[in-house]
Amino acid sequence: MYAVILTGGKQYRVSVDDEIFIEKLEGEAGQDVKFDQVLALSDDSGMVTGKDAAKANVAGTIVKQGKNKKIDIVQYKAKKGYRRKAGHRQPYTKVRITAINA
């Protein structure tokens, strides 16, 4: 069984015991979170979307808060001695999915 959830403006396909990196959520490690925006559910009987999927929710536990891998932007001009490096680290939350409640 899996579900498609919407959080932080992005969609994630999750199953029980998956660990996902999502946009930063409020809370500490070990705290439970609930995702109410379920877009689709799939199990052995088939796929459910729309209002039927919206009635479901997905439960998870925050594993850790942190920063994501750094993205580097490098500018370079040959023979001019010009080098510039800038970066960005997006805050994230690592969440372990514990249950899909349909």
N, C-alpha and C. Protein backbone atom coordinates (compact mmCIF):
# COMPACT_ATOMS: atom_id res chain seq x y z
N MET A 1 0.85 -1.18 0.00
CA MET A 1 0.00 0.00 0.00
C MET A 1 0.89 1.23 0.00
N TYR A 2 0.52 2.22 -0.79
CA TYR A 2 1.23 3.49 -0.79
C TYR A 2 0.24 4.64 -0.93
N ALA A 3 0.73 5.83 -0.61
CA ALA A 3 -0.09 7.03 -0.71
C ALA A 3 0.73 8.14 -1.36
N VAL A 4 0.05 9.07 -1.99
CA VAL A 4 0.69 10.27 -2.53
C VAL A 4 0.21 11.43 -1.67
N ILE A 5 1.17 12.10 -1.00
CA ILE A 5 0.82 13.21 -0.10
C ILE A 5 1.39 14.50 -0.65
N LEU A 6 0.80 15.60 -0.20
CA LEU A 6 1.25 16.94 -0.60
C LEU A 6 1.71 17.66 0.66
N THR A 7 2.97 18.09 0.67
CA THR A 7 3.50 18.87 1.78
C THR A 7 4.65 19.74 1.27
N GLY A 8 4.68 20.96 1.73
CA GLY A 8 5.73 21.88 1.31
C GLY A 8 5.69 22.22 -0.17
N GLY A 9 4.51 22.12 -0.79
CA GLY A 9 4.38 22.43 -2.20
C GLY A 9 4.87 21.33 -3.12
N LYS A 10 5.20 20.17 -2.57
CA LYS A 10 5.69 19.05 -3.37
C LYS A 10 4.86 17.80 -3.07
N GLN A 11 4.86 16.88 -4.02
CA GLN A 11 4.14 15.62 -3.85
C GLN A 11 5.14 14.51 -3.60
N TYR A 12 4.80 13.61 -2.66
CA TYR A 12 5.67 12.50 -2.31
C TYR A 12 4.88 11.21 -2.33
N ARG A 13 5.47 10.17 -2.90
CA ARG A 13 4.88 8.83 -2.87
C ARG A 13 5.50 8.11 -1.68
N VAL A 14 4.67 7.71 -0.72
CA VAL A 14 5.19 7.14 0.52
C VAL A 14 4.52 5.81 0.83
N SER A 15 5.25 4.95 1.49
CA SER A 15 4.76 3.69 2.02
C SER A 15 5.15 3.64 3.49
N VAL A 16 4.62 2.68 4.22
CA VAL A 16 4.97 2.53 5.62
C VAL A 16 6.46 2.18 5.73
N ASP A 17 7.13 2.78 6.70
CA ASP A 17 8.56 2.63 7.00
C ASP A 17 9.47 3.35 6.01
N ASP A 18 8.94 4.17 5.11
CA ASP A 18 9.77 5.01 4.25
C ASP A 18 10.31 6.18 5.06
N GLU A 19 11.51 6.65 4.71
CA GLU A 19 12.06 7.87 5.29
C GLU A 19 12.20 8.87 4.15
N ILE A 20 11.60 10.06 4.33
CA ILE A 20 11.62 11.06 3.28
C ILE A 20 12.19 12.38 3.82
N PHE A 21 12.80 13.15 2.94
CA PHE A 21 13.28 14.48 3.25
C PHE A 21 12.27 15.47 2.69
N ILE A 22 11.67 16.28 3.56
CA ILE A 22 10.66 17.24 3.12
C ILE A 22 11.03 18.63 3.59
N GLU A 23 10.31 19.63 3.09
CA GLU A 23 10.52 21.00 3.54
C GLU A 23 10.36 21.07 5.06
N LYS A 24 11.06 21.97 5.69
CA LYS A 24 11.13 22.03 7.14
C LYS A 24 9.75 22.12 7.79
N LEU A 25 9.54 21.27 8.80
CA LEU A 25 8.33 21.27 9.61
C LEU A 25 8.68 21.72 11.02
N GLU A 26 7.71 22.27 11.71
CA GLU A 26 7.90 22.63 13.12
C GLU A 26 7.89 21.35 13.95
N GLY A 27 8.76 21.27 14.93
CA GLY A 27 8.78 20.11 15.81
C GLY A 27 10.19 19.63 16.05
N GLU A 28 10.30 18.74 17.03
CA GLU A 28 11.58 18.16 17.42
C GLU A 28 11.63 16.70 17.00
N ALA A 29 12.83 16.12 17.05
CA ALA A 29 13.00 14.71 16.73
C ALA A 29 12.19 13.86 17.70
N GLY A 30 11.51 12.86 17.18
CA GLY A 30 10.67 11.98 17.98
C GLY A 30 9.21 12.40 18.05
N GLN A 31 8.91 13.59 17.58
CA GLN A 31 7.53 14.09 17.61
C GLN A 31 6.74 13.52 16.44
N ASP A 32 5.46 13.22 16.68
CA ASP A 32 4.59 12.68 15.64
C ASP A 32 4.01 13.82 14.79
N VAL A 33 3.87 13.55 13.48
CA VAL A 33 3.26 14.50 12.55
C VAL A 33 2.18 13.77 11.76
N LYS A 34 1.23 14.54 11.27
CA LYS A 34 0.12 13.98 10.50
C LYS A 34 -0.01 14.76 9.20
N PHE A 35 -0.10 14.06 8.08
CA PHE A 35 -0.29 14.68 6.77
C PHE A 35 -1.72 14.43 6.34
N ASP A 36 -2.50 15.51 6.26
CA ASP A 36 -3.92 15.39 5.91
C ASP A 36 -4.19 15.52 4.42
N GLN A 37 -3.26 16.10 3.67
CA GLN A 37 -3.48 16.29 2.24
C GLN A 37 -3.01 15.05 1.48
N VAL A 38 -3.89 14.07 1.37
CA VAL A 38 -3.61 12.84 0.63
C VAL A 38 -4.27 12.96 -0.73
N LEU A 39 -3.47 12.82 -1.78
CA LEU A 39 -3.98 12.98 -3.14
C LEU A 39 -4.43 11.66 -3.76
N ALA A 40 -3.77 10.56 -3.36
CA ALA A 40 -4.11 9.26 -3.92
C ALA A 40 -3.70 8.15 -2.96
N LEU A 41 -4.44 7.06 -3.01
CA LEU A 41 -4.13 5.85 -2.25
C LEU A 41 -4.13 4.67 -3.19
N SER A 42 -3.22 3.74 -2.96
CA SER A 42 -3.19 2.54 -3.78
C SER A 42 -2.97 1.34 -2.88
N ASP A 43 -3.74 0.27 -3.12
CA ASP A 43 -3.56 -0.98 -2.42
C ASP A 43 -3.89 -2.11 -3.39
N ASP A 44 -4.10 -3.31 -2.86
CA ASP A 44 -4.36 -4.47 -3.73
C ASP A 44 -5.65 -4.33 -4.53
N SER A 45 -6.62 -3.58 -4.00
CA SER A 45 -7.90 -3.45 -4.70
C SER A 45 -7.88 -2.37 -5.78
N GLY A 46 -6.86 -1.54 -5.82
CA GLY A 46 -6.75 -0.53 -6.86
C GLY A 46 -6.39 0.85 -6.33
N MET A 47 -6.54 1.84 -7.19
CA MET A 47 -6.17 3.22 -6.88
C MET A 47 -7.42 4.02 -6.52
N VAL A 48 -7.28 4.86 -5.48
CA VAL A 48 -8.38 5.73 -5.04
C VAL A 48 -7.85 7.16 -5.07
N THR A 49 -8.61 8.06 -5.71
CA THR A 49 -8.22 9.47 -5.77
C THR A 49 -9.41 10.34 -5.43
N GLY A 50 -9.19 11.64 -5.39
CA GLY A 50 -10.29 12.58 -5.18
C GLY A 50 -10.77 12.63 -3.75
N LYS A 51 -12.09 12.75 -3.58
CA LYS A 51 -12.68 12.92 -2.25
C LYS A 51 -12.47 11.70 -1.36
N ASP A 52 -12.45 10.52 -1.94
CA ASP A 52 -12.23 9.32 -1.14
C ASP A 52 -10.81 9.30 -0.55
N ALA A 53 -9.83 9.73 -1.32
CA ALA A 53 -8.45 9.77 -0.82
C ALA A 53 -8.28 10.91 0.18
N ALA A 54 -9.04 11.99 0.02
CA ALA A 54 -8.91 13.14 0.90
C ALA A 54 -9.37 12.83 2.32
N LYS A 55 -10.15 11.79 2.50
CA LYS A 55 -10.61 11.38 3.83
C LYS A 55 -9.50 10.68 4.62
N ALA A 56 -8.48 10.21 3.95
CA ALA A 56 -7.39 9.48 4.59
C ALA A 56 -6.35 10.44 5.14
N ASN A 57 -5.44 9.90 5.96
CA ASN A 57 -4.29 10.68 6.42
C ASN A 57 -3.10 9.75 6.57
N VAL A 58 -1.93 10.36 6.64
CA VAL A 58 -0.69 9.62 6.77
C VAL A 58 0.01 10.10 8.03
N ALA A 59 0.44 9.16 8.86
CA ALA A 59 1.12 9.50 10.12
C ALA A 59 2.61 9.22 9.98
N GLY A 60 3.39 10.06 10.64
CA GLY A 60 4.84 9.90 10.60
C GLY A 60 5.48 10.41 11.87
N THR A 61 6.78 10.16 11.99
CA THR A 61 7.56 10.61 13.13
C THR A 61 8.78 11.35 12.61
N ILE A 62 9.07 12.50 13.21
CA ILE A 62 10.25 13.27 12.81
C ILE A 62 11.49 12.54 13.29
N VAL A 63 12.40 12.25 12.35
CA VAL A 63 13.65 11.58 12.69
C VAL A 63 14.70 12.62 13.05
N LYS A 64 14.84 13.65 12.20
CA LYS A 64 15.80 14.71 12.51
C LYS A 64 15.51 15.96 11.71
N GLN A 65 15.96 17.08 12.24
CA GLN A 65 15.91 18.36 11.55
C GLN A 65 17.33 18.64 11.06
N GLY A 66 17.46 19.26 9.92
CA GLY A 66 18.81 19.53 9.45
C GLY A 66 18.84 20.38 8.21
N LYS A 67 20.02 20.39 7.60
CA LYS A 67 20.21 21.12 6.35
C LYS A 67 20.52 20.11 5.26
N ASN A 68 20.09 20.42 4.07
CA ASN A 68 20.26 19.54 2.94
C ASN A 68 21.63 19.73 2.31
N LYS A 69 21.93 18.94 1.32
CA LYS A 69 23.19 19.04 0.60
C LYS A 69 23.33 20.42 -0.02
N LYS A 70 24.52 20.98 0.05
CA LYS A 70 24.75 22.32 -0.46
C LYS A 70 24.77 22.32 -1.99
N ILE A 71 24.09 23.29 -2.56
CA ILE A 71 24.08 23.48 -4.01
C ILE A 71 25.01 24.64 -4.32
N ASP A 72 26.02 24.38 -5.13
CA ASP A 72 27.00 25.41 -5.45
C ASP A 72 26.71 26.03 -6.80
N ILE A 73 26.86 27.34 -6.87
CA ILE A 73 26.76 28.08 -8.11
C ILE A 73 28.15 28.68 -8.34
N VAL A 74 28.77 28.29 -9.43
CA VAL A 74 30.15 28.72 -9.68
C VAL A 74 30.18 29.56 -10.95
N GLN A 75 30.80 30.73 -10.86
CA GLN A 75 31.03 31.58 -12.03
C GLN A 75 32.54 31.69 -12.23
N TYR A 76 32.97 31.66 -13.48
CA TYR A 76 34.40 31.67 -13.79
C TYR A 76 34.61 32.34 -15.14
N LYS A 77 35.58 33.22 -15.19
CA LYS A 77 35.95 33.85 -16.46
C LYS A 77 37.42 33.55 -16.72
N ALA A 78 37.67 32.90 -17.87
CA ALA A 78 39.02 32.45 -18.20
C ALA A 78 39.97 33.64 -18.37
N LYS A 79 41.17 33.47 -17.89
CA LYS A 79 42.29 34.41 -18.07
C LYS A 79 42.07 35.76 -17.40
N LYS A 80 41.06 35.91 -16.58
CA LYS A 80 40.77 37.19 -15.93
C LYS A 80 40.93 37.12 -14.41
N GLY A 81 41.13 35.93 -13.88
CA GLY A 81 41.28 35.78 -12.44
C GLY A 81 39.97 35.96 -11.68
N TYR A 82 38.87 35.79 -12.37
CA TYR A 82 37.56 36.00 -11.75
C TYR A 82 36.94 34.65 -11.42
N ARG A 83 36.71 34.40 -10.15
CA ARG A 83 36.04 33.20 -9.69
C ARG A 83 35.08 33.60 -8.59
N ARG A 84 33.89 33.06 -8.65
CA ARG A 84 32.87 33.37 -7.65
C ARG A 84 32.09 32.10 -7.34
N LYS A 85 31.89 31.88 -6.06
CA LYS A 85 31.17 30.68 -5.64
C LYS A 85 30.11 31.09 -4.63
N ALA A 86 28.88 30.69 -4.87
CA ALA A 86 27.79 30.97 -3.95
C ALA A 86 27.02 29.68 -3.74
N GLY A 87 26.34 29.55 -2.63
CA GLY A 87 25.61 28.32 -2.36
C GLY A 87 24.35 28.57 -1.55
N HIS A 88 23.60 27.51 -1.40
CA HIS A 88 22.34 27.58 -0.67
C HIS A 88 22.08 26.24 -0.01
N ARG A 89 21.64 26.26 1.25
CA ARG A 89 21.26 25.04 1.95
C ARG A 89 19.82 25.18 2.39
N GLN A 90 18.97 24.34 1.83
CA GLN A 90 17.55 24.37 2.15
C GLN A 90 17.31 23.61 3.46
N PRO A 91 16.63 24.20 4.43
CA PRO A 91 16.31 23.45 5.64
C PRO A 91 15.34 22.31 5.33
N TYR A 92 15.54 21.17 5.97
CA TYR A 92 14.69 20.03 5.71
C TYR A 92 14.33 19.33 7.02
N THR A 93 13.38 18.44 6.93
CA THR A 93 13.00 17.56 8.02
C THR A 93 12.98 16.14 7.48
N LYS A 94 13.62 15.24 8.19
CA LYS A 94 13.59 13.83 7.80
C LYS A 94 12.47 13.17 8.59
N VAL A 95 11.53 12.53 7.87
CA VAL A 95 10.34 11.95 8.49
C VAL A 95 10.25 10.47 8.12
N ARG A 96 9.95 9.64 9.12
CA ARG A 96 9.69 8.21 8.89
C ARG A 96 8.19 8.01 8.90
N ILE A 97 7.64 7.42 7.86
CA ILE A 97 6.21 7.17 7.75
C ILE A 97 5.86 5.95 8.60
N THR A 98 4.91 6.12 9.52
CA THR A 98 4.55 5.04 10.43
C THR A 98 3.25 4.36 10.07
N ALA A 99 2.29 5.11 9.48
CA ALA A 99 1.00 4.49 9.15
C ALA A 99 0.29 5.26 8.05
N ILE A 100 -0.49 4.53 7.27
CA ILE A 100 -1.37 5.13 6.27
C ILE A 100 -2.79 4.74 6.68
N ASN A 101 -3.56 5.73 7.11
CA ASN A 101 -4.91 5.49 7.63
C ASN A 101 -5.93 5.81 6.55
N ALA A 102 -6.51 4.77 5.97
CA ALA A 102 -7.48 4.98 4.88
C ALA A 102 -8.90 4.95 5.39
